[in-house]
Amino acid sequence: MAADPPDVHLLYNPGPPEHYTARLGRTGWTEGSGFTEPEALASLARAVIDDPSMKLPQAVPRDVPSVVAWFATANSEATLDE
C-alpha cells in the first residue's frame, strides 16, 4: 500500500542569498533549507529522520532517499517567500 502524500511546502527566497525552505506542515513545524530545491528537501528529510517523535508511514524507510521520494509524492511547487 502506498503512503499518503505528506503536507510539504517549498518556499523560494530570492535573497540575497537565494535559497529554498522546505516545510512539513503549513506552519513549518519541521523544516530544512538549501540553495536548491533538492538540497532543501534533503535537509527536511534529515530533520524528519533525526526527530525520533516523527512518525513516518510504514511504507517509507527512515533514510534520506526514501523520505525525499515520499516528499515528491506531494507535488509541491515552490512559492515566493515574502
C-alpha atoms as a PDB file:
ATOM      1  CA  MET A   1       0.000   0.000   0.000  1.00  0.00           C
ATOM      2  CA  ALA A   2       1.371   3.440  -0.928  1.00  0.00           C
ATOM      3  CA  ALA A   3       1.796   6.065   1.750  1.00  0.00           C
ATOM      4  CA  ASP A   4      -0.424   9.149   1.665  1.00  0.00           C
ATOM      5  CA  PRO A   5       1.352  12.249   0.325  1.00  0.00           C
ATOM      6  CA  PRO A   6       2.870  14.464   3.017  1.00  0.00           C
ATOM      7  CA  ASP A   7       1.963  18.110   3.588  1.00  0.00           C
ATOM      8  CA  VAL A   8       5.177  19.632   2.143  1.00  0.00           C
ATOM      9  CA  HIS A   9       5.554  23.339   1.368  1.00  0.00           C
ATOM     10  CA  LEU A  10       8.507  24.670  -0.581  1.00  0.00           C
ATOM     11  CA  LEU A  11       9.341  28.372  -0.307  1.00  0.00           C
ATOM     12  CA  TYR A  12      11.718  30.296  -2.559  1.00  0.00           C
ATOM     13  CA  ASN A  13      13.576  33.296  -1.155  1.00  0.00           C
ATOM     14  CA  PRO A  14      15.224  35.372  -3.908  1.00  0.00           C
ATOM     15  CA  GLY A  15      17.837  36.527  -1.421  1.00  0.00           C
ATOM     16  CA  PRO A  16      20.445  37.537  -1.136  1.00  0.00           C
ATOM     17  CA  PRO A  17      21.370  34.808  -0.755  1.00  0.00           C
ATOM     18  CA  GLU A  18      18.887  32.980  -2.957  1.00  0.00           C
ATOM     19  CA  HIS A  19      17.659  29.845  -1.154  1.00  0.00           C
ATOM     20  CA  TYR A  20      14.771  27.448  -0.573  1.00  0.00           C
ATOM     21  CA  THR A  21      12.998  26.375   2.607  1.00  0.00           C
ATOM     22  CA  ALA A  22      11.086  23.099   2.721  1.00  0.00           C
ATOM     23  CA  ARG A  23       8.496  22.745   5.465  1.00  0.00           C
ATOM     24  CA  LEU A  24       6.482  19.799   6.647  1.00  0.00           C
ATOM     25  CA  GLY A  25       3.080  21.138   7.586  1.00  0.00           C
ATOM     26  CA  ARG A  26       1.672  24.522   6.667  1.00  0.00           C
ATOM     27  CA  THR A  27       3.095  26.169   9.782  1.00  0.00           C
ATOM     28  CA  GLY A  28       6.505  24.613   9.246  1.00  0.00           C
ATOM     29  CA  TRP A  29       6.736  22.609  12.440  1.00  0.00           C
ATOM     30  CA  THR A  30       9.704  20.837  10.824  1.00  0.00           C
ATOM     31  CA  GLU A  31      11.811  22.451   8.109  1.00  0.00           C
ATOM     32  CA  GLY A  32      15.027  22.252   6.114  1.00  0.00           C
ATOM     33  CA  SER A  33      16.813  24.649   3.790  1.00  0.00           C
ATOM     34  CA  GLY A  34      19.246  24.701   0.893  1.00  0.00           C
ATOM     35  CA  PHE A  35      20.395  26.653  -2.123  1.00  0.00           C
ATOM     36  CA  THR A  36      18.393  24.353  -4.437  1.00  0.00           C
ATOM     37  CA  GLU A  37      15.037  22.597  -4.121  1.00  0.00           C
ATOM     38  CA  PRO A  38      16.691  19.136  -3.802  1.00  0.00           C
ATOM     39  CA  GLU A  39      19.031  20.432  -1.063  1.00  0.00           C
ATOM     40  CA  ALA A  40      16.085  21.860   0.882  1.00  0.00           C
ATOM     41  CA  LEU A  41      14.103  18.622   0.571  1.00  0.00           C
ATOM     42  CA  ALA A  42      17.112  16.522   1.652  1.00  0.00           C
ATOM     43  CA  SER A  43      17.638  18.854   4.627  1.00  0.00           C
ATOM     44  CA  LEU A  44      13.983  18.433   5.586  1.00  0.00           C
ATOM     45  CA  ALA A  45      14.306  14.651   5.218  1.00  0.00           C
ATOM     46  CA  ARG A  46      17.296  14.638   7.602  1.00  0.00           C
ATOM     47  CA  ALA A  47      15.308  16.730  10.113  1.00  0.00           C
ATOM     48  CA  VAL A  48      12.416  14.253   9.939  1.00  0.00           C
ATOM     49  CA  ILE A  49      14.739  11.251  10.306  1.00  0.00           C
ATOM     50  CA  ASP A  50      16.618  12.843  13.233  1.00  0.00           C
ATOM     51  CA  ASP A  51      13.401  13.528  15.161  1.00  0.00           C
ATOM     52  CA  PRO A  52      12.506  10.290  16.971  1.00  0.00           C
ATOM     53  CA  SER A  53       8.980  11.565  17.650  1.00  0.00           C
ATOM     54  CA  MET A  54       8.306  11.978  13.917  1.00  0.00           C
ATOM     55  CA  LYS A  55       6.134   9.130  12.660  1.00  0.00           C
ATOM     56  CA  LEU A  56       6.581   8.081   9.048  1.00  0.00           C
ATOM     57  CA  PRO A  57       4.193   5.833   7.148  1.00  0.00           C
ATOM     58  CA  GLN A  58       5.193   2.160   7.396  1.00  0.00           C
ATOM     59  CA  ALA A  59       5.874   2.095   3.642  1.00  0.00           C
ATOM     60  CA  VAL A  60       8.587   4.787   3.980  1.00  0.00           C
ATOM     61  CA  PRO A  61      12.005   3.621   5.239  1.00  0.00           C
ATOM     62  CA  ARG A  62      13.896   6.046   7.515  1.00  0.00           C
ATOM     63  CA  ASP A  63      16.597   7.036   5.036  1.00  0.00           C
ATOM     64  CA  VAL A  64      17.072  10.296   3.120  1.00  0.00           C
ATOM     65  CA  PRO A  65      16.379   8.972  -0.426  1.00  0.00           C
ATOM     66  CA  SER A  66      13.171   7.221   0.681  1.00  0.00           C
ATOM     67  CA  VAL A  67      11.863  10.203   2.637  1.00  0.00           C
ATOM     68  CA  VAL A  68      12.691  12.578  -0.248  1.00  0.00           C
ATOM     69  CA  ALA A  69      10.860  10.222  -2.631  1.00  0.00           C
ATOM     70  CA  TRP A  70       7.856  10.324  -0.277  1.00  0.00           C
ATOM     71  CA  PHE A  71       8.027  14.143  -0.265  1.00  0.00           C
ATOM     72  CA  ALA A  72       7.986  14.067  -4.087  1.00  0.00           C
ATOM     73  CA  THR A  73       4.521  12.475  -3.996  1.00  0.00           C
ATOM     74  CA  ALA A  74       3.196  15.777  -2.614  1.00  0.00           C
ATOM     75  CA  ASN A  75       3.806  17.580  -5.944  1.00  0.00           C
ATOM     76  CA  SER A  76       4.736  20.793  -4.169  1.00  0.00           C
ATOM     77  CA  GLU A  77       5.840  23.749  -6.240  1.00  0.00           C
ATOM     78  CA  ALA A  78       7.991  26.461  -4.751  1.00  0.00           C
ATOM     79  CA  THR A  79       6.164  29.643  -3.814  1.00  0.00           C
ATOM     80  CA  LEU A  80       7.763  33.032  -3.255  1.00  0.00           C
ATOM     81  CA  ASP A  81       8.640  33.625   0.386  1.00  0.00           C
ATOM     82  CA  GLU A  82       7.652  37.180   1.237  1.00  0.00           C
END
